C-alpha cells in the first residue's frame, strides 16, 4: 500500500480534491474521503456536486444509504463501506485509525493538508512520524506552481 502526503500550497482544497477523485475514478478505483466533522462532510458533499459547471462527481454519505453503490463515499468514520481502493484523509483525520480498522483494504492513502494552516501542518508531521515508526513507506508531494504535484521525498 502507498501512503502519500499531499501538501497544498498553490491551489485550494476545493480545487485539488475533485481532481484527485477524478483521477482515481479514471483508474477504476472507488474512493473514500474521510473528514472529522459532519460540517466538513456536508461541505465536501456540496463541492462534489458543484465544483464544475460541466461536471459533477457521483458520491454519497451514510445518510444517503447503499454505500456499496457509491463510487465515492464521504465519511467521518473508519469504515470502508464502498470497497474503496483510495482513501483521502482531510481535516486531520487519522490514517492509522483507518488502517487498523481495515489493514489490507486500500491500494493508496492520501493525507491532503493545507501547508499554510499551522494546525494541519503540525498534524501532518505527527502522522508522518507515527506512520514511519510503524514501518509504513511514505511519500511526500508538494503542489507545484502549475497546480500539479512534485515528489519531494
C-alpha atoms as a PDB file:
ATOM      1  CA  UNK A   1       0.000   0.000   0.000  1.00  0.00           C
ATOM      2  CA  UNK A   2       1.139   3.512  -0.791  1.00  0.00           C
ATOM      3  CA  UNK A   3       0.738   6.334   1.727  1.00  0.00           C
ATOM      4  CA  UNK A   4       1.192   9.764   0.220  1.00  0.00           C
ATOM      5  CA  UNK A   5       1.156  13.169   1.865  1.00  0.00           C
ATOM      6  CA  UNK A   6      -0.137  15.932  -0.430  1.00  0.00           C
ATOM      7  CA  UNK A   7       0.887  19.392   0.715  1.00  0.00           C
ATOM      8  CA  UNK A   8      -1.486  22.032  -0.659  1.00  0.00           C
ATOM      9  CA  UNK A   9       0.463  25.161  -1.376  1.00  0.00           C
ATOM     10  CA  UNK A  10      -0.728  26.841  -4.570  1.00  0.00           C
ATOM     11  CA  UNK A  11      -4.270  25.639  -5.044  1.00  0.00           C
ATOM     12  CA  UNK A  12      -7.110  25.490  -2.505  1.00  0.00           C
ATOM     13  CA  UNK A  13      -8.535  22.232  -1.242  1.00  0.00           C
ATOM     14  CA  UNK A  14     -11.746  22.851  -3.200  1.00  0.00           C
ATOM     15  CA  UNK A  15      -9.828  22.685  -6.484  1.00  0.00           C
ATOM     16  CA  UNK A  16      -7.410  19.893  -5.577  1.00  0.00           C
ATOM     17  CA  UNK A  17      -9.808  17.297  -4.158  1.00  0.00           C
ATOM     18  CA  UNK A  18     -12.062  16.906  -7.233  1.00  0.00           C
ATOM     19  CA  UNK A  19      -9.008  16.406  -9.467  1.00  0.00           C
ATOM     20  CA  UNK A  20      -7.624  13.655  -7.231  1.00  0.00           C
ATOM     21  CA  UNK A  21     -11.003  11.941  -7.177  1.00  0.00           C
ATOM     22  CA  UNK A  22     -11.401  12.199 -10.959  1.00  0.00           C
ATOM     23  CA  UNK A  23      -8.012  10.518 -11.442  1.00  0.00           C
ATOM     24  CA  UNK A  24      -8.978   7.772  -9.009  1.00  0.00           C
ATOM     25  CA  UNK A  25     -12.210   7.016 -10.841  1.00  0.00           C
ATOM     26  CA  UNK A  26     -10.361   7.057 -14.192  1.00  0.00           C
ATOM     27  CA  UNK A  27      -8.155   4.256 -12.800  1.00  0.00           C
ATOM     28  CA  UNK A  28     -11.261   2.251 -11.998  1.00  0.00           C
ATOM     29  CA  UNK A  29     -10.841   2.767  -8.247  1.00  0.00           C
ATOM     30  CA  UNK A  30     -13.571   3.548  -5.796  1.00  0.00           C
ATOM     31  CA  UNK A  31     -12.630   6.249  -3.302  1.00  0.00           C
ATOM     32  CA  UNK A  32     -13.472   7.254   0.251  1.00  0.00           C
ATOM     33  CA  UNK A  33     -12.939  10.708   1.678  1.00  0.00           C
ATOM     34  CA  UNK A  34     -12.622  10.853   5.455  1.00  0.00           C
ATOM     35  CA  UNK A  35     -13.102  14.083   7.399  1.00  0.00           C
ATOM     36  CA  UNK A  36     -13.605  14.567  11.132  1.00  0.00           C
ATOM     37  CA  UNK A  37     -16.790  16.639  11.340  1.00  0.00           C
ATOM     38  CA  UNK A  38     -20.288  16.445   9.867  1.00  0.00           C
ATOM     39  CA  UNK A  39     -19.934  20.059   8.706  1.00  0.00           C
ATOM     40  CA  UNK A  40     -16.883  19.193   6.591  1.00  0.00           C
ATOM     41  CA  UNK A  41     -18.655  16.147   5.129  1.00  0.00           C
ATOM     42  CA  UNK A  42     -21.591  18.397   4.151  1.00  0.00           C
ATOM     43  CA  UNK A  43     -19.227  20.924   2.560  1.00  0.00           C
ATOM     44  CA  UNK A  44     -17.461  18.214   0.540  1.00  0.00           C
ATOM     45  CA  UNK A  45     -20.839  16.764  -0.455  1.00  0.00           C
ATOM     46  CA  UNK A  46     -21.891  20.145  -1.872  1.00  0.00           C
ATOM     47  CA  UNK A  47     -18.493  20.683  -3.506  1.00  0.00           C
ATOM     48  CA  UNK A  48     -18.570  17.408  -5.449  1.00  0.00           C
ATOM     49  CA  UNK A  49     -21.959  18.264  -6.965  1.00  0.00           C
ATOM     50  CA  UNK A  50     -20.991  21.832  -7.916  1.00  0.00           C
ATOM     51  CA  UNK A  51     -17.206  22.106  -8.430  1.00  0.00           C
ATOM     52  CA  UNK A  52     -17.580  22.403 -12.201  1.00  0.00           C
ATOM     53  CA  UNK A  53     -20.257  23.865 -14.458  1.00  0.00           C
ATOM     54  CA  UNK A  54     -19.890  20.922 -16.842  1.00  0.00           C
ATOM     55  CA  UNK A  55     -19.350  18.024 -14.454  1.00  0.00           C
ATOM     56  CA  UNK A  56     -20.002  16.503 -11.039  1.00  0.00           C
ATOM     57  CA  UNK A  57     -18.645  13.546  -9.113  1.00  0.00           C
ATOM     58  CA  UNK A  58     -21.232  10.959  -8.107  1.00  0.00           C
ATOM     59  CA  UNK A  59     -20.892  10.177  -4.420  1.00  0.00           C
ATOM     60  CA  UNK A  60     -22.791   9.501  -1.241  1.00  0.00           C
ATOM     61  CA  UNK A  61     -22.721   9.502   2.536  1.00  0.00           C
ATOM     62  CA  UNK A  62     -24.120   7.195   5.211  1.00  0.00           C
ATOM     63  CA  UNK A  63     -27.255   9.357   5.219  1.00  0.00           C
ATOM     64  CA  UNK A  64     -27.822   8.509   1.548  1.00  0.00           C
ATOM     65  CA  UNK A  65     -27.794   4.744   2.194  1.00  0.00           C
ATOM     66  CA  UNK A  66     -26.451   1.984  -0.048  1.00  0.00           C
ATOM     67  CA  UNK A  67     -22.765   2.887   0.351  1.00  0.00           C
ATOM     68  CA  UNK A  68     -21.706  -0.162  -1.670  1.00  0.00           C
ATOM     69  CA  UNK A  69     -23.144   1.555  -4.758  1.00  0.00           C
ATOM     70  CA  UNK A  70     -21.208   4.787  -4.272  1.00  0.00           C
ATOM     71  CA  UNK A  71     -18.077   5.338  -6.387  1.00  0.00           C
ATOM     72  CA  UNK A  72     -17.025   7.959  -3.808  1.00  0.00           C
ATOM     73  CA  UNK A  73     -18.055   7.622  -0.180  1.00  0.00           C
ATOM     74  CA  UNK A  74     -17.819  10.520   2.284  1.00  0.00           C
ATOM     75  CA  UNK A  75     -17.414   9.599   5.930  1.00  0.00           C
ATOM     76  CA  UNK A  76     -16.144  10.654   9.312  1.00  0.00           C
ATOM     77  CA  UNK A  77     -15.726   7.015  10.364  1.00  0.00           C
ATOM     78  CA  UNK A  78     -13.088   4.384   9.639  1.00  0.00           C
ATOM     79  CA  UNK A  79     -15.340   2.005   7.698  1.00  0.00           C
ATOM     80  CA  UNK A  80     -14.641   1.133   4.059  1.00  0.00           C
ATOM     81  CA  UNK A  81     -18.325   0.869   3.182  1.00  0.00           C
ATOM     82  CA  UNK A  82     -17.923   1.173  -0.597  1.00  0.00           C
ATOM     83  CA  UNK A  83     -14.844  -1.054  -1.020  1.00  0.00           C
ATOM     84  CA  UNK A  84     -12.585   1.909  -1.810  1.00  0.00           C
ATOM     85  CA  UNK A  85      -9.063   1.353  -3.154  1.00  0.00           C
ATOM     86  CA  UNK A  86      -8.167   5.001  -2.440  1.00  0.00           C
ATOM     87  CA  UNK A  87      -8.815   6.777   0.838  1.00  0.00           C
ATOM     88  CA  UNK A  88      -8.226  10.513   1.122  1.00  0.00           C
ATOM     89  CA  UNK A  89      -7.881  11.975   4.608  1.00  0.00           C
ATOM     90  CA  UNK A  90      -8.765  15.611   5.209  1.00  0.00           C
ATOM     91  CA  UNK A  91      -9.354  17.818   8.221  1.00  0.00           C
ATOM     92  CA  UNK A  92      -6.681  15.999  10.219  1.00  0.00           C
ATOM     93  CA  UNK A  93      -8.416  12.608  10.016  1.00  0.00           C
ATOM     94  CA  UNK A  94      -6.241   9.779  11.347  1.00  0.00           C
ATOM     95  CA  UNK A  95      -4.677   7.493   8.769  1.00  0.00           C
ATOM     96  CA  UNK A  96      -3.573   4.964  11.414  1.00  0.00           C
ATOM     97  CA  UNK A  97      -7.092   4.533  12.796  1.00  0.00           C
ATOM     98  CA  UNK A  98      -8.433   3.612   9.352  1.00  0.00           C
ATOM     99  CA  UNK A  99      -5.504   1.327   8.578  1.00  0.00           C
ATOM    100  CA  UNK A 100      -6.024  -0.513  11.856  1.00  0.00           C
ATOM    101  CA  UNK A 101      -9.726  -0.982  11.022  1.00  0.00           C
ATOM    102  CA  UNK A 102      -9.013  -2.344   7.513  1.00  0.00           C
ATOM    103  CA  UNK A 103      -5.265  -3.004   7.142  1.00  0.00           C
ATOM    104  CA  UNK A 104      -5.414  -4.555   3.669  1.00  0.00           C
ATOM    105  CA  UNK A 105      -8.280  -2.543   2.197  1.00  0.00           C
ATOM    106  CA  UNK A 106      -6.504   0.210   0.304  1.00  0.00           C
ATOM    107  CA  UNK A 107      -4.063   0.481  -2.556  1.00  0.00           C
ATOM    108  CA  UNK A 108      -3.327   4.100  -1.709  1.00  0.00           C
ATOM    109  CA  UNK A 109      -3.993   6.508   1.141  1.00  0.00           C
ATOM    110  CA  UNK A 110      -3.520  10.256   0.773  1.00  0.00           C
ATOM    111  CA  UNK A 111      -3.381  12.861   3.509  1.00  0.00           C
ATOM    112  CA  UNK A 112      -4.399  16.149   1.870  1.00  0.00           C
ATOM    113  CA  UNK A 113      -3.348  19.095   4.021  1.00  0.00           C
ATOM    114  CA  UNK A 114      -3.007  22.863   3.779  1.00  0.00           C
ATOM    115  CA  UNK A 115       0.632  23.814   4.394  1.00  0.00           C
ATOM    116  CA  UNK A 116      -0.399  27.369   5.275  1.00  0.00           C
ATOM    117  CA  UNK A 117      -2.514  26.147   8.209  1.00  0.00           C
ATOM    118  CA  UNK A 118      -0.232  25.610  11.243  1.00  0.00           C
ATOM    119  CA  UNK A 119      -2.567  23.029  12.823  1.00  0.00           C
ATOM    120  CA  UNK A 120      -2.814  20.960   9.635  1.00  0.00           C
ATOM    121  CA  UNK A 121       0.940  21.171   9.092  1.00  0.00           C
ATOM    122  CA  UNK A 122       1.672  20.040  12.664  1.00  0.00           C
ATOM    123  CA  UNK A 123      -0.812  17.179  12.321  1.00  0.00           C
ATOM    124  CA  UNK A 124       0.747  16.053   9.031  1.00  0.00           C
ATOM    125  CA  UNK A 125       4.178  15.974  10.674  1.00  0.00           C
ATOM    126  CA  UNK A 126       2.836  13.954  13.603  1.00  0.00           C
ATOM    127  CA  UNK A 127       1.054  11.491  11.315  1.00  0.00           C
ATOM    128  CA  UNK A 128       4.221  11.136   9.194  1.00  0.00           C
ATOM    129  CA  UNK A 129       6.293  10.363  12.288  1.00  0.00           C
ATOM    130  CA  UNK A 130       3.743   7.878  13.669  1.00  0.00           C
ATOM    131  CA  UNK A 131       3.302   6.049  10.355  1.00  0.00           C
ATOM    132  CA  UNK A 132       7.072   5.876   9.814  1.00  0.00           C
ATOM    133  CA  UNK A 133       7.508   4.473  13.351  1.00  0.00           C
ATOM    134  CA  UNK A 134       5.087   1.659  12.453  1.00  0.00           C
ATOM    135  CA  UNK A 135       7.150   0.803   9.376  1.00  0.00           C
ATOM    136  CA  UNK A 136       4.998   2.268   6.624  1.00  0.00           C
ATOM    137  CA  UNK A 137       6.670   3.578   3.471  1.00  0.00           C
ATOM    138  CA  UNK A 138       5.666   7.154   2.834  1.00  0.00           C
ATOM    139  CA  UNK A 139       5.937   9.701   0.036  1.00  0.00           C
ATOM    140  CA  UNK A 140       5.619  13.463   0.260  1.00  0.00           C
ATOM    141  CA  UNK A 141       4.297  15.575  -2.623  1.00  0.00           C
ATOM    142  CA  UNK A 142       4.125  19.347  -2.747  1.00  0.00           C
ATOM    143  CA  UNK A 143       1.963  21.364  -5.080  1.00  0.00           C
ATOM    144  CA  UNK A 144       3.905  22.933  -7.947  1.00  0.00           C
ATOM    145  CA  UNK A 145       3.391  26.403  -9.406  1.00  0.00           C
ATOM    146  CA  UNK A 146       1.197  24.905 -12.148  1.00  0.00           C
ATOM    147  CA  UNK A 147      -1.027  23.077  -9.641  1.00  0.00           C
ATOM    148  CA  UNK A 148       0.477  19.638 -10.348  1.00  0.00           C
ATOM    149  CA  UNK A 149       2.343  17.621  -7.745  1.00  0.00           C
ATOM    150  CA  UNK A 150       6.116  17.272  -7.293  1.00  0.00           C
ATOM    151  CA  UNK A 151       7.535  14.410  -5.255  1.00  0.00           C
ATOM    152  CA  UNK A 152       9.848  15.817  -2.591  1.00  0.00           C
ATOM    153  CA  UNK A 153      10.605  12.643  -0.618  1.00  0.00           C
END
